[in-house]
Amino acid sequence: MSRQIAQLLSNAFDWQVTVDPHLHRHGSLAEIYRIPTRVVHAAPLTSQWIKTHVSKPFVIGPDSESEQWVSAAAKDSGAPYAVLEKVRRGDRDVEISAESLPDIDGRTPVLVDDIISSGRTMIEAVRLIVERGGAQSGLCCCARLVRRSFRPDSHARRCPVVTSNSIPHKTNGIDMAEALANSIQELCKLAPANLNLA
């Protein structure tokens, strides 16, 4: 499917800048796109938000797929991290285990993932952390939103949800504009004659 989408976009656009694409089967966008591409990573901006807004953070990923973003955000913010275990039976049927979650020891848990789509995964992770008493000093979620219709349920309302502004939403708190603009400027400098950047 990724190759078909890459072909479609390569036929329609002159260039592409994207935030944290899922490249599970490809080493880079250049493998499947025929147009110039750049990738912007949200983890450095997420970790900066954590350092600025959360004292004594403990970064938590809701599943193994989130570890690449969680470990980067934790390292940059100087925080410990852990990753929960997830079994997904469908888009809205998610089971998460917090058995691997260590004692947070008075730190503030910060759930980090690359995207919030339906919100099921993050909501279940919040529920487990609250049930285990790991949210006594606060709790927040940081991710990139991909559905503007996201509405947290009663469990998720216990914590602020902070998203990047790659999609406008009332939860936006992580500004991607400068990082995106820098990548676009980089493309302009590389091949301005070949790119339609108007």
Protein backbone atom coordinates (compact mmCIF):
# COMPACT_ATOMS: atom_id res chain seq x y z
CA MET A 1 0.00 0.00 0.00
CA SER A 2 2.82 2.44 0.82
CA ARG A 3 4.25 2.06 -2.69
CA GLN A 4 0.88 2.83 -4.28
CA ILE A 5 0.43 5.95 -2.15
CA ALA A 6 4.00 7.04 -2.91
CA GLN A 7 3.33 6.64 -6.62
CA LEU A 8 0.10 8.63 -6.36
CA LEU A 9 1.77 11.48 -4.46
CA SER A 10 4.84 11.46 -6.71
CA ASN A 11 2.56 11.93 -9.71
CA ALA A 12 0.62 14.76 -8.07
CA PHE A 13 3.29 16.81 -6.24
CA ASP A 14 6.77 18.21 -6.81
CA TRP A 15 8.07 17.59 -3.27
CA GLN A 16 7.01 16.30 0.14
CA VAL A 17 7.80 17.12 3.76
CA THR A 18 6.21 14.78 6.29
CA VAL A 19 6.27 14.22 10.05
CA ASP A 20 7.44 10.81 11.33
CA PRO A 21 6.20 8.53 8.54
CA HIS A 22 5.72 4.86 9.32
CA LEU A 23 8.52 3.18 7.40
CA HIS A 24 8.24 -0.36 8.75
CA ARG A 25 9.24 -1.99 5.46
CA HIS A 26 11.38 0.75 3.91
CA GLY A 27 14.67 2.33 4.93
CA SER A 28 13.70 5.81 3.72
CA LEU A 29 11.09 7.71 1.71
CA ALA A 30 13.57 7.87 -1.20
CA GLU A 31 13.05 4.13 -1.75
CA ILE A 32 9.43 4.64 -2.80
CA TYR A 33 9.07 8.31 -3.81
CA ARG A 34 10.28 9.80 -7.09
CA ILE A 35 10.07 13.37 -5.77
CA PRO A 36 12.40 15.11 -3.26
CA THR A 37 11.31 14.33 0.32
CA ARG A 38 12.23 15.36 3.83
CA VAL A 39 11.24 13.87 7.20
CA VAL A 40 10.66 16.02 10.27
CA HIS A 41 10.90 14.27 13.64
CA ALA A 42 8.55 15.31 16.43
CA ALA A 43 10.54 13.66 19.26
CA PRO A 44 12.97 16.60 19.81
CA LEU A 45 10.05 19.04 20.05
CA THR A 46 8.12 16.65 22.29
CA SER A 47 11.08 16.30 24.63
CA GLN A 48 11.49 20.09 24.72
CA TRP A 49 7.82 20.41 25.71
CA ILE A 50 8.34 17.79 28.43
CA LYS A 51 11.43 19.56 29.79
CA THR A 52 9.58 22.89 29.87
CA HIS A 53 6.25 21.72 31.31
CA VAL A 54 6.79 18.56 33.38
CA SER A 55 8.89 18.23 36.51
CA LYS A 56 10.41 14.79 37.15
CA PRO A 57 8.88 13.11 34.07
CA PHE A 58 8.66 9.38 33.48
CA VAL A 59 8.05 8.76 29.78
CA ILE A 60 5.79 5.82 28.90
CA GLY A 61 4.99 4.29 25.53
CA PRO A 62 1.67 2.47 25.08
CA ASP A 63 3.20 -0.35 22.98
CA SER A 64 6.41 -1.66 21.43
CA GLU A 65 5.86 0.32 18.21
CA SER A 66 6.09 3.55 20.21
CA GLU A 67 9.53 2.75 21.64
CA GLN A 68 11.49 4.61 18.97
CA TRP A 69 9.69 7.88 19.79
CA VAL A 70 9.53 7.23 23.54
CA SER A 71 13.23 6.44 23.89
CA ALA A 72 14.21 9.53 21.88
CA ALA A 73 11.92 11.85 23.86
CA ALA A 74 13.11 10.36 27.16
CA LYS A 75 16.80 10.65 26.26
CA ASP A 76 16.49 14.27 25.14
CA SER A 77 14.50 15.23 28.24
CA GLY A 78 16.76 13.29 30.63
CA ALA A 79 13.92 11.09 31.86
CA PRO A 80 13.58 7.34 32.44
CA TYR A 81 11.11 5.47 30.26
CA ALA A 82 9.15 2.24 29.94
CA VAL A 83 6.98 0.66 27.26
CA LEU A 84 3.69 -1.13 27.89
CA GLU A 85 2.59 -4.27 26.05
CA LYS A 86 -0.33 -4.12 23.61
CA VAL A 87 -2.54 -6.64 21.84
CA ARG A 88 -4.68 -5.08 19.08
CA ARG A 89 -7.69 -7.13 17.95
CA GLY A 90 -9.14 -4.33 15.80
CA ASP A 91 -9.21 -0.54 15.42
CA ARG A 92 -11.34 -0.15 18.54
CA ASP A 93 -10.45 -3.35 20.39
CA VAL A 94 -7.13 -2.85 22.18
CA GLU A 95 -5.79 -4.62 25.25
CA ILE A 96 -2.74 -3.27 27.06
CA SER A 97 -0.77 -4.80 29.90
CA ALA A 98 1.07 -2.66 32.44
CA GLU A 99 2.88 -5.62 33.99
CA SER A 100 6.21 -4.30 32.69
CA LEU A 101 5.67 -0.82 34.19
CA PRO A 102 8.16 -0.25 37.04
CA ASP A 103 7.53 1.85 40.12
CA ILE A 104 7.36 5.44 38.90
CA ASP A 105 8.61 6.65 42.31
CA GLY A 106 6.88 10.04 42.53
CA ARG A 107 7.59 11.01 38.92
CA THR A 108 4.96 12.38 36.54
CA PRO A 109 4.00 9.84 33.86
CA VAL A 110 4.01 11.24 30.33
CA LEU A 111 2.47 9.01 27.66
CA VAL A 112 4.19 9.51 24.31
CA ASP A 113 3.26 8.04 20.93
CA ASP A 114 3.65 9.11 17.32
CA ILE A 115 -0.08 9.48 16.65
CA ILE A 116 -3.50 9.54 18.26
CA SER A 117 -6.11 8.23 15.83
CA SER A 118 -9.18 6.80 17.54
CA GLY A 119 -7.54 7.36 20.92
CA ARG A 120 -8.30 3.81 22.11
CA THR A 121 -4.67 2.91 22.79
CA MET A 122 -3.90 6.06 24.79
CA ILE A 123 -7.17 5.87 26.71
CA GLU A 124 -6.49 2.28 27.74
CA ALA A 125 -2.92 3.16 28.75
CA VAL A 126 -4.20 6.07 30.87
CA ARG A 127 -6.73 3.79 32.56
CA LEU A 128 -4.05 1.25 33.49
CA ILE A 129 -1.64 3.87 34.82
CA VAL A 130 -4.39 5.46 36.93
CA GLU A 131 -5.50 2.06 38.26
CA ARG A 132 -1.94 1.20 39.27
CA GLY A 133 -1.66 4.46 41.19
CA GLY A 134 0.96 5.82 38.85
CA ALA A 135 -0.76 9.15 38.27
CA GLN A 136 -0.70 10.57 41.78
CA SER A 137 1.64 13.37 40.72
CA GLY A 138 -0.16 14.09 37.44
CA LEU A 139 -0.33 12.57 33.99
CA CYS A 140 -0.26 13.86 30.43
CA CYS A 141 -0.23 12.54 26.86
CA CYS A 142 1.93 13.87 24.04
CA ALA A 143 1.42 12.75 20.47
CA ARG A 144 0.56 13.80 16.93
CA LEU A 145 -3.17 13.87 16.25
CA VAL A 146 -4.46 12.39 13.00
CA ARG A 147 -8.20 12.75 13.58
CA ARG A 148 -9.68 16.13 14.39
CA SER A 149 -12.70 14.37 15.86
CA PHE A 150 -10.68 12.89 18.77
CA ARG A 151 -12.55 13.27 22.07
CA PRO A 152 -11.00 11.74 25.19
CA ASP A 153 -13.27 9.68 27.41
CA SER A 154 -13.60 10.01 31.19
CA HIS A 155 -10.27 8.28 31.86
CA ALA A 156 -8.29 10.41 29.43
CA ARG A 157 -9.91 13.60 30.74
CA ARG A 158 -7.93 13.07 33.93
CA CYS A 159 -4.87 14.29 32.07
CA PRO A 160 -4.03 16.99 29.55
CA VAL A 161 -3.56 15.82 25.98
CA VAL A 162 -0.89 17.76 24.11
CA THR A 163 -0.48 17.32 20.36
CA SER A 164 1.66 18.82 17.65
CA ASN A 165 0.04 21.35 15.36
CA SER A 166 0.56 19.32 12.19
CA ILE A 167 -3.27 19.06 12.30
CA PRO A 168 -5.14 22.01 13.90
CA HIS A 169 -6.90 20.96 17.12
CA LYS A 170 -7.63 22.49 20.52
CA THR A 171 -5.02 20.15 22.05
CA ASN A 172 -2.14 21.62 19.98
CA GLY A 173 0.80 22.60 22.17
CA ILE A 174 3.87 21.42 20.25
CA ASP A 175 4.73 23.76 17.39
CA MET A 176 6.03 22.02 14.25
CA ALA A 177 6.01 25.14 12.04
CA GLU A 178 9.69 26.04 12.26
CA ALA A 179 10.89 22.46 11.76
CA LEU A 180 8.63 22.05 8.72
CA ALA A 181 9.68 25.43 7.30
CA ASN A 182 13.37 24.56 7.69
CA SER A 183 12.90 21.36 5.69
CA ILE A 184 11.04 23.21 2.96
CA GLN A 185 13.81 25.82 2.78
CA GLU A 186 16.36 23.01 2.52
CA LEU A 187 14.51 21.60 -0.49
CA CYS A 188 14.47 25.07 -2.07
CA LYS A 189 18.24 25.40 -1.74
CA LEU A 190 18.94 21.94 -3.16
CA ALA A 191 17.03 22.20 -6.39
CA PRO A 192 15.09 25.47 -6.68
CA ALA A 193 14.81 25.21 -10.46
CA ASN A 194 13.16 21.80 -10.31
CA LEU A 195 10.71 22.45 -7.51
CA ASN A 196 7.42 24.29 -7.67
CA LEU A 197 7.36 25.95 -4.23
CA ALA A 198 4.95 28.76 -5.05
